[in-house]
């Protein structure tokens, strides 16, 4: 239902946030019609972007949000959307590296203009060791079309830097490619099987209507990006909305004032939330949230960690880069959403060689501040929900078995091992 009141309980705010992200509906089990390209496009229209990450311990980060919202789907839909004309998605630096609709790509032009002068200050070093490298790379892309960094290295025959040098072993050619990518001269036409960008001239990647559209001035672009962040949040602070596209500086404050003046967002109060909070005019409050699904560590719902803690009582840290001995929950830990709560966190690994989804660690999560302590019965239900979701995601990943570690950590592990439970698929 549409919201008209100016005060929300924490529970109401959670449901608004979930609805804004398309995470309030019952989770499809894959038995119905397969999600179509149009379904996939609706997911992207809801989230506004898909963050890209190369870690493939379970599934690549940009594949997970659609699964979390529409259930098992053919990941080739993303390849079609991002790699076949007319392109529905293009790569850009948005919330980190991301897939965005072409219309949003235009709104990020101001950022690419700034990179032309900032450019990390390192492209000059590449030009110093390999004079004319940017022009060389530009010429190769123009003549050959789609070219990966590996192919460019071979064409230009640049020696690789040592591992101690900046750039993760990047050659001058790779630095030049990234400079041209970040400034918008070239774009990722697609990703190949090794997850490498296949670079091409941007004019050959963008749809003509977007390529030929007039530029958007900085202030209008920041305001439009902030509005996308506000709609994707439903409810949140100005900082939450700005973080969606990593917006910073005084232009954000001005854009926020303009969104309020235009009635696109309005101030509200959320019980227990001390900061100024705003509600998007399209926000809805569902009577209940019924999804049961795992979320990627890079899901848009969990982008802004402070908001996640304030709304859901869920304190989250990705521990991929944390030394093993200091990890609290595991290497690749996914929150489990049940209804309007994040009830557990599971450390998962897809063992593709063995066809097994491995549960390495599993922990139940205390309820948010506005809810009572979890009872033993509710913990049992969390385990049932976790089993069903693990079976569902294993099927989506093409894994025939779910195996719970004998030497893992977490109070949920023993319940997941219960002998009277069937891992029905």
Protein backbone atom coordinates (compact mmCIF):
# COMPACT_ATOMS: atom_id res chain seq x y z
CA UNK A 1 0.00 0.00 0.00
CA UNK A 2 1.09 3.60 -0.60
CA UNK A 3 2.52 5.38 2.42
CA UNK A 4 1.07 8.66 3.60
CA UNK A 5 2.02 8.72 7.27
CA UNK A 6 5.21 10.40 8.46
CA UNK A 7 6.24 7.85 11.09
CA UNK A 8 7.28 4.26 10.45
CA UNK A 9 8.07 1.46 12.83
CA UNK A 10 11.27 -0.47 12.23
CA UNK A 11 9.25 -3.38 10.90
CA UNK A 12 7.44 -1.12 8.44
CA UNK A 13 10.72 0.43 7.33
CA UNK A 14 12.19 -3.02 6.72
CA UNK A 15 9.25 -4.01 4.53
CA UNK A 16 9.50 -0.74 2.60
CA UNK A 17 13.21 -1.39 2.02
CA UNK A 18 12.56 -4.95 0.87
CA UNK A 19 9.74 -3.91 -1.46
CA UNK A 20 11.94 -1.23 -3.02
CA UNK A 21 14.43 -3.97 -3.88
CA UNK A 22 11.85 -6.51 -5.04
CA UNK A 23 12.68 -8.80 -2.13
CA UNK A 24 9.27 -9.00 -0.46
CA UNK A 25 7.52 -11.55 -2.67
CA UNK A 26 7.54 -15.32 -2.08
CA UNK A 27 10.64 -16.91 -3.57
CA UNK A 28 9.99 -18.91 -6.76
CA UNK A 29 11.22 -22.50 -6.58
CA UNK A 30 11.87 -22.85 -10.28
CA UNK A 31 8.87 -25.09 -10.94
CA UNK A 32 6.95 -22.38 -12.79
CA UNK A 33 7.73 -20.71 -16.12
CA UNK A 34 11.40 -19.88 -16.53
CA UNK A 35 12.24 -16.21 -16.01
CA UNK A 36 12.46 -14.41 -19.34
CA UNK A 37 14.70 -11.60 -20.54
CA UNK A 38 11.87 -9.22 -19.74
CA UNK A 39 11.79 -10.59 -16.18
CA UNK A 40 15.53 -10.06 -15.91
CA UNK A 41 15.16 -6.50 -17.18
CA UNK A 42 12.54 -5.83 -14.50
CA UNK A 43 15.02 -6.93 -11.84
CA UNK A 44 17.61 -4.47 -13.17
CA UNK A 45 15.00 -1.72 -13.39
CA UNK A 46 14.25 -2.34 -9.71
CA UNK A 47 17.82 -2.55 -8.43
CA UNK A 48 19.18 0.12 -10.79
CA UNK A 49 22.52 -1.66 -11.16
CA UNK A 50 24.34 -4.95 -10.63
CA UNK A 51 27.71 -4.78 -8.92
CA UNK A 52 30.40 -6.85 -10.63
CA UNK A 53 32.92 -8.92 -8.70
CA UNK A 54 35.27 -11.55 -10.04
CA UNK A 55 35.14 -13.87 -6.99
CA UNK A 56 33.54 -17.12 -8.13
CA UNK A 57 33.51 -19.18 -4.95
CA UNK A 58 29.75 -19.65 -5.21
CA UNK A 59 28.44 -17.59 -8.16
CA UNK A 60 29.69 -14.30 -9.51
CA UNK A 61 28.21 -11.35 -7.63
CA UNK A 62 26.31 -9.84 -10.56
CA UNK A 63 24.46 -13.12 -11.17
CA UNK A 64 23.06 -13.40 -7.66
CA UNK A 65 20.62 -10.44 -7.36
CA UNK A 66 18.33 -11.81 -10.08
CA UNK A 67 18.38 -15.24 -8.45
CA UNK A 68 17.51 -13.71 -5.07
CA UNK A 69 14.50 -11.93 -6.58
CA UNK A 70 13.08 -14.27 -9.24
CA UNK A 71 14.57 -17.63 -8.31
CA UNK A 72 16.52 -20.02 -10.55
CA UNK A 73 17.05 -18.42 -13.95
CA UNK A 74 19.28 -18.94 -16.96
CA UNK A 75 22.38 -16.80 -16.42
CA UNK A 76 22.67 -16.51 -20.20
CA UNK A 77 20.02 -13.80 -19.83
CA UNK A 78 22.67 -11.50 -18.37
CA UNK A 79 25.06 -12.36 -21.21
CA UNK A 80 22.33 -11.44 -23.69
CA UNK A 81 21.51 -8.21 -21.90
CA UNK A 82 25.15 -7.11 -21.66
CA UNK A 83 26.61 -8.65 -24.81
CA UNK A 84 24.04 -8.58 -27.60
CA UNK A 85 22.52 -5.59 -29.39
CA UNK A 86 20.37 -3.83 -28.49
CA UNK A 87 22.29 -3.76 -25.22
CA UNK A 88 20.21 -3.52 -22.07
CA UNK A 89 23.29 -3.32 -19.84
CA UNK A 90 26.75 -1.81 -20.13
CA UNK A 91 29.68 -1.74 -17.74
CA UNK A 92 30.48 1.43 -15.83
CA UNK A 93 32.03 2.58 -12.59
CA UNK A 94 28.82 3.08 -10.59
CA UNK A 95 28.73 1.36 -7.20
CA UNK A 96 32.23 0.06 -7.84
CA UNK A 97 32.38 -1.79 -11.18
CA UNK A 98 28.79 -2.44 -12.22
CA UNK A 99 26.39 -3.27 -14.99
CA UNK A 100 23.97 -0.40 -15.54
CA UNK A 101 21.27 0.40 -18.12
CA UNK A 102 22.61 2.51 -21.01
CA UNK A 103 20.49 5.45 -19.85
CA UNK A 104 22.36 5.39 -16.52
CA UNK A 105 25.69 5.14 -18.33
CA UNK A 106 24.97 8.62 -19.72
CA UNK A 107 24.45 9.96 -16.20
CA UNK A 108 27.98 8.88 -15.27
CA UNK A 109 29.65 10.93 -18.00
CA UNK A 110 30.67 13.62 -15.50
CA UNK A 111 32.73 10.99 -13.67
CA UNK A 112 34.44 9.91 -16.87
CA UNK A 113 35.25 13.54 -17.70
CA UNK A 114 37.00 13.89 -14.35
CA UNK A 115 39.05 10.76 -14.95
CA UNK A 116 40.51 12.39 -18.07
CA UNK A 117 42.39 14.83 -15.86
CA UNK A 118 42.78 12.72 -12.72
CA UNK A 119 43.47 9.30 -14.27
CA UNK A 120 45.10 8.12 -11.03
CA UNK A 121 48.28 9.98 -12.02
CA UNK A 122 49.72 6.64 -13.18
CA UNK A 123 49.06 6.71 -16.90
CA UNK A 124 51.96 9.19 -17.18
CA UNK A 125 54.28 6.48 -15.83
CA UNK A 126 53.06 4.08 -18.50
CA UNK A 127 53.70 6.69 -21.18
CA UNK A 128 57.17 7.31 -19.74
CA UNK A 129 58.20 3.67 -20.14
CA UNK A 130 56.23 3.08 -23.35
CA UNK A 131 55.79 6.40 -25.19
CA UNK A 132 52.61 6.53 -27.21
CA UNK A 133 51.08 3.46 -25.54
CA UNK A 134 47.64 5.07 -25.17
CA UNK A 135 47.57 5.95 -28.86
CA UNK A 136 48.77 2.45 -29.76
CA UNK A 137 46.04 0.80 -27.71
CA UNK A 138 43.43 3.16 -29.13
CA UNK A 139 44.53 2.30 -32.67
CA UNK A 140 44.47 -1.47 -32.05
CA UNK A 141 40.93 -1.32 -30.63
CA UNK A 142 39.73 0.84 -33.52
CA UNK A 143 41.13 -1.61 -36.09
CA UNK A 144 40.46 -4.97 -34.42
CA UNK A 145 37.31 -4.33 -32.44
CA UNK A 146 36.81 -6.57 -29.40
CA UNK A 147 40.18 -7.15 -27.73
CA UNK A 148 41.03 -8.46 -24.27
CA UNK A 149 43.92 -7.27 -22.12
CA UNK A 150 45.70 -10.58 -22.72
CA UNK A 151 45.41 -10.13 -26.47
CA UNK A 152 46.62 -6.54 -26.20
CA UNK A 153 49.67 -7.68 -24.21
CA UNK A 154 50.51 -10.14 -26.97
CA UNK A 155 50.00 -7.58 -29.74
CA UNK A 156 52.17 -4.91 -28.12
CA UNK A 157 54.62 -7.41 -26.55
CA UNK A 158 55.13 -5.40 -23.37
CA UNK A 159 57.00 -7.17 -20.55
CA UNK A 160 55.00 -7.76 -17.41
CA UNK A 161 55.83 -5.85 -14.22
CA UNK A 162 56.93 -7.71 -11.13
CA UNK A 163 54.37 -8.57 -8.46
CA UNK A 164 55.82 -5.91 -6.18
CA UNK A 165 54.89 -3.13 -8.60
CA UNK A 166 51.60 -1.25 -8.42
CA UNK A 167 48.75 -2.49 -10.58
CA UNK A 168 48.59 -6.21 -9.74
CA UNK A 169 51.08 -7.06 -12.48
CA UNK A 170 49.48 -4.68 -14.99
CA UNK A 171 51.48 -3.88 -18.10
CA UNK A 172 51.56 -0.44 -19.68
CA UNK A 173 49.02 -1.80 -22.18
CA UNK A 174 46.63 -2.76 -19.37
CA UNK A 175 47.04 0.67 -17.78
CA UNK A 176 46.25 2.31 -21.12
CA UNK A 177 43.18 0.08 -21.57
CA UNK A 178 41.88 1.01 -18.15
CA UNK A 179 42.54 4.70 -18.77
CA UNK A 180 40.51 4.58 -21.98
CA UNK A 181 37.79 2.52 -20.28
CA UNK A 182 37.45 4.85 -17.30
CA UNK A 183 37.39 7.92 -19.51
CA UNK A 184 34.76 6.37 -21.77
CA UNK A 185 36.62 6.06 -25.08
CA UNK A 186 36.31 2.29 -24.96
CA UNK A 187 33.79 0.04 -23.25
CA UNK A 188 33.32 -3.62 -22.42
CA UNK A 189 31.47 -5.17 -25.34
CA UNK A 190 31.11 -8.37 -23.32
CA UNK A 191 32.97 -10.65 -20.92
CA UNK A 192 34.54 -13.83 -22.27
CA UNK A 193 34.56 -17.28 -20.64
CA UNK A 194 37.59 -16.30 -18.55
CA UNK A 195 35.67 -13.22 -17.33
CA UNK A 196 38.00 -10.86 -19.19
CA UNK A 197 36.59 -7.66 -20.59
CA UNK A 198 36.42 -7.63 -24.37
CA UNK A 199 37.11 -3.95 -25.09
CA UNK A 200 35.71 -2.08 -28.07
CA UNK A 201 35.09 1.53 -29.00
CA UNK A 202 32.23 2.92 -26.95
CA UNK A 203 30.54 4.19 -30.10
CA UNK A 204 30.24 0.55 -31.22
CA UNK A 205 28.88 -0.63 -27.86
CA UNK A 206 26.27 1.93 -26.82
CA UNK A 207 22.84 1.91 -28.46
CA UNK A 208 22.60 4.73 -31.00
CA UNK A 209 19.88 6.60 -29.09
CA UNK A 210 22.13 6.79 -26.03
CA UNK A 211 25.33 7.45 -27.97
CA UNK A 212 23.81 10.36 -29.87
CA UNK A 213 21.91 11.93 -26.98
CA UNK A 214 23.12 15.34 -25.76
CA UNK A 215 25.35 15.30 -22.66
CA UNK A 216 23.83 15.69 -19.20
CA UNK A 217 25.22 18.49 -17.07
CA UNK A 218 26.90 17.54 -13.81
CA UNK A 219 24.21 18.84 -11.45
CA UNK A 220 21.38 17.13 -13.34
CA UNK A 221 23.33 13.87 -13.50
CA UNK A 222 24.06 13.82 -9.77
CA UNK A 223 20.43 14.59 -8.99
CA UNK A 224 19.21 11.79 -11.29
CA UNK A 225 21.66 9.28 -9.81
CA UNK A 226 20.67 10.27 -6.28
CA UNK A 227 17.01 9.78 -7.26
CA UNK A 228 17.77 6.25 -8.52
CA UNK A 229 19.45 5.51 -5.20
CA UNK A 230 16.47 6.88 -3.28
CA UNK A 231 13.98 4.78 -5.25
CA UNK A 232 16.13 1.66 -4.86
CA UNK A 233 16.23 2.19 -1.08
CA UNK A 234 12.61 3.18 -0.56
CA UNK A 235 13.58 4.60 2.81
CA UNK A 236 16.96 5.78 4.03
CA UNK A 237 19.26 8.68 4.70
CA UNK A 238 20.86 11.03 2.19
CA UNK A 239 24.10 9.15 2.78
CA UNK A 240 22.39 5.85 1.89
CA UNK A 241 21.03 7.26 -1.35
CA UNK A 242 24.37 8.82 -2.31
CA UNK A 243 26.35 5.66 -1.60
CA UNK A 244 24.41 3.75 -4.24
CA UNK A 245 26.51 5.46 -6.93
CA UNK A 246 29.38 6.51 -4.65
CA UNK A 247 28.39 10.18 -4.86
CA UNK A 248 30.37 12.66 -2.78
CA UNK A 249 30.71 16.39 -2.22
CA UNK A 250 28.49 19.48 -2.01
CA UNK A 251 26.62 18.62 -5.22
CA UNK A 252 24.95 15.77 -3.34
CA UNK A 253 23.54 18.05 -0.64
CA UNK A 254 22.18 20.41 -3.27
CA UNK A 255 20.65 17.52 -5.23
CA UNK A 256 19.03 16.21 -2.06
CA UNK A 257 17.44 19.59 -1.35
CA UNK A 258 16.07 19.66 -4.89
CA UNK A 259 14.62 16.16 -4.58
CA UNK A 260 12.83 17.23 -1.38
CA UNK A 261 11.56 20.44 -2.98
CA UNK A 262 10.26 18.47 -5.97
CA UNK A 263 8.46 16.02 -3.68
CA UNK A 264 10.46 13.04 -4.96
CA UNK A 265 11.47 12.26 -1.38
CA UNK A 266 10.08 13.53 1.90
CA UNK A 267 11.31 13.46 5.50
CA UNK A 268 9.89 10.76 7.75
CA UNK A 269 10.69 9.35 11.15
CA UNK A 270 11.63 5.74 11.75
CA UNK A 271 11.43 4.45 15.30
CA UNK A 272 14.89 4.14 16.81
CA UNK A 273 16.62 5.76 13.86
CA UNK A 274 18.24 8.96 15.05
CA UNK A 275 19.46 10.31 11.69
CA UNK A 276 17.30 12.29 9.25
CA UNK A 277 15.44 9.76 7.12
CA UNK A 278 13.63 10.18 3.81
CA UNK A 279 10.95 8.20 2.01
CA UNK A 280 10.76 7.95 -1.78
CA UNK A 281 7.42 8.94 -3.27
CA UNK A 282 7.08 5.55 -5.03
CA UNK A 283 7.78 3.59 -1.85
CA UNK A 284 5.16 1.03 -0.89
CA UNK A 285 4.52 -0.85 2.34
CA UNK A 286 3.56 -4.49 1.72
CA UNK A 287 1.42 -6.17 4.36
CA UNK A 288 4.08 -8.84 4.75
CA UNK A 289 7.43 -9.88 3.33
CA UNK A 290 7.59 -13.54 2.33
CA UNK A 291 10.85 -14.15 0.51
CA UNK A 292 13.21 -16.91 1.65
CA UNK A 293 16.47 -16.41 -0.20
CA UNK A 294 20.21 -16.06 0.09
CA UNK A 295 21.76 -12.68 -0.73
CA UNK A 296 25.13 -12.07 -2.30
CA UNK A 297 27.66 -10.16 -0.17
CA UNK A 298 27.37 -7.57 -2.97
CA UNK A 299 23.56 -7.41 -3.11
CA UNK A 300 22.19 -3.83 -3.27
CA UNK A 301 20.19 -4.46 -0.08
CA UNK A 302 23.44 -4.80 1.89
CA UNK A 303 25.50 -2.06 0.20
CA UNK A 304 25.15 0.46 3.02
CA UNK A 305 26.31 -1.35 6.15
CA UNK A 306 25.14 1.23 8.69
CA UNK A 307 21.60 1.17 7.30
CA UNK A 308 21.69 -2.63 7.34
CA UNK A 309 22.54 -2.59 11.03
CA UNK A 310 19.96 0.06 11.89
CA UNK A 311 17.09 -1.60 10.03
CA UNK A 312 17.86 -5.29 10.35
CA UNK A 313 20.21 -5.43 13.33
CA UNK A 314 22.67 -7.15 10.99
CA UNK A 315 26.32 -6.18 11.35
CA UNK A 316 28.03 -7.34 8.21
CA UNK A 317 31.59 -7.45 6.98
CA UNK A 318 32.91 -9.25 3.93
CA UNK A 319 35.88 -11.26 5.17
CA UNK A 320 37.42 -12.26 1.84
CA UNK A 321 40.42 -10.01 2.54
CA UNK A 322 40.56 -10.80 6.26
CA UNK A 323 43.34 -13.21 7.35
CA UNK A 324 41.93 -16.69 8.03
CA UNK A 325 42.68 -16.60 11.75
CA UNK A 326 40.71 -13.36 12.14
CA UNK A 327 37.58 -14.37 10.24
CA UNK A 328 34.49 -14.51 12.41
CA UNK A 329 32.11 -16.20 10.00
CA UNK A 330 34.03 -17.36 6.93
CA UNK A 331 35.39 -16.49 3.51
CA UNK A 332 32.23 -16.01 1.41
CA UNK A 333 29.32 -15.49 3.76
CA UNK A 334 25.79 -14.94 2.48
CA UNK A 335 22.95 -13.49 4.57
CA UNK A 336 19.76 -15.58 4.60
CA UNK A 337 16.63 -13.47 4.23
CA UNK A 338 13.41 -14.91 5.66
CA UNK A 339 10.43 -12.57 5.55
CA UNK A 340 11.60 -9.21 6.88
CA UNK A 341 14.56 -10.62 8.81
CA UNK A 342 18.11 -11.59 8.03
CA UNK A 343 18.03 -14.73 10.14
CA UNK A 344 21.36 -16.42 9.41
CA UNK A 345 24.67 -16.20 7.62
CA UNK A 346 26.13 -19.12 5.68
CA UNK A 347 29.67 -19.57 4.41
CA UNK A 348 29.27 -21.43 1.11
CA UNK A 349 31.47 -22.87 -1.61
CA UNK A 350 30.47 -24.42 -4.92
CA UNK A 351 32.66 -27.48 -5.40
CA UNK A 352 32.06 -27.78 -9.12
CA UNK A 353 34.51 -30.64 -9.63
CA UNK A 354 32.55 -32.82 -7.19
CA UNK A 355 29.12 -31.38 -7.95
CA UNK A 356 28.64 -30.38 -4.31
CA UNK A 357 27.48 -27.24 -2.55
CA UNK A 358 29.59 -27.12 0.61
CA UNK A 359 28.31 -25.42 3.76
CA UNK A 360 31.52 -24.52 5.59
CA UNK A 361 30.12 -22.43 8.47
CA UNK A 362 26.57 -21.46 9.44
CA UNK A 363 25.31 -19.13 12.14
CA UNK A 364 21.87 -18.04 13.27
CA UNK A 365 21.46 -14.29 13.71
CA UNK A 366 19.93 -12.44 16.68
CA UNK A 367 16.67 -10.64 15.80
CA UNK A 368 16.61 -6.86 15.32
CA UNK A 369 16.00 -4.67 18.35
CA UNK A 370 12.24 -4.39 17.88
CA UNK A 371 11.62 -8.15 17.91
CA UNK A 372 11.70 -10.69 20.74
CA UNK A 373 14.53 -13.16 21.25
CA UNK A 374 14.45 -16.09 18.86
CA UNK A 375 12.84 -19.18 20.41
CA UNK A 376 14.03 -22.77 19.97
CA UNK A 377 11.06 -23.40 17.69
CA UNK A 378 12.01 -20.42 15.53
CA UNK A 379 15.60 -21.63 15.33
CA UNK A 380 14.28 -24.95 14.08
CA UNK A 381 12.25 -23.13 11.45
CA UNK A 382 15.33 -21.16 10.40
CA UNK A 383 17.12 -24.47 9.84
CA UNK A 384 14.22 -25.74 7.72
CA UNK A 385 14.22 -22.56 5.67
CA UNK A 386 17.99 -22.76 5.25
CA UNK A 387 17.81 -26.36 4.04
CA UNK A 388 15.15 -25.51 1.49
CA UNK A 389 17.11 -22.53 0.22
CA UNK A 390 20.38 -24.47 0.05
CA UNK A 391 18.66 -27.14 -2.03
CA UNK A 392 17.18 -24.47 -4.31
CA UNK A 393 20.44 -22.64 -4.93
CA UNK A 394 22.33 -25.91 -5.41
CA UNK A 395 19.87 -26.83 -8.15
CA UNK A 396 20.34 -23.45 -9.80
CA UNK A 397 24.12 -23.90 -9.76
CA UNK A 398 23.85 -27.41 -11.20
CA UNK A 399 25.19 -29.04 -8.04
CA UNK A 400 23.66 -32.40 -7.18
CA UNK A 401 24.42 -32.50 -3.46
CA UNK A 402 24.60 -30.28 -0.39
CA UNK A 403 27.30 -31.23 2.12
CA UNK A 404 27.61 -29.74 5.60
CA UNK A 405 31.17 -29.55 6.94
CA UNK A 406 32.08 -31.71 9.92
CA UNK A 407 34.72 -29.27 11.12
CA UNK A 408 32.90 -25.98 10.50
CA UNK A 409 31.73 -23.36 12.96
CA UNK A 410 28.35 -21.95 13.88
CA UNK A 411 25.28 -22.99 15.85
CA UNK A 412 23.29 -23.69 12.68
CA UNK A 413 25.62 -26.39 11.36
CA UNK A 414 24.41 -29.17 13.66
CA UNK A 415 20.78 -28.43 12.78
CA UNK A 416 21.61 -28.56 9.08
CA UNK A 417 23.16 -32.00 9.63
CA UNK A 418 20.00 -33.39 11.32
CA UNK A 419 19.61 -36.99 10.12
CA UNK A 420 15.83 -36.83 9.79
CA UNK A 421 15.93 -34.11 7.20
CA UNK A 422 15.63 -34.83 3.48
CA UNK A 423 17.54 -32.62 1.07
CA UNK A 424 14.68 -32.79 -1.42
CA UNK A 425 15.42 -31.11 -4.75
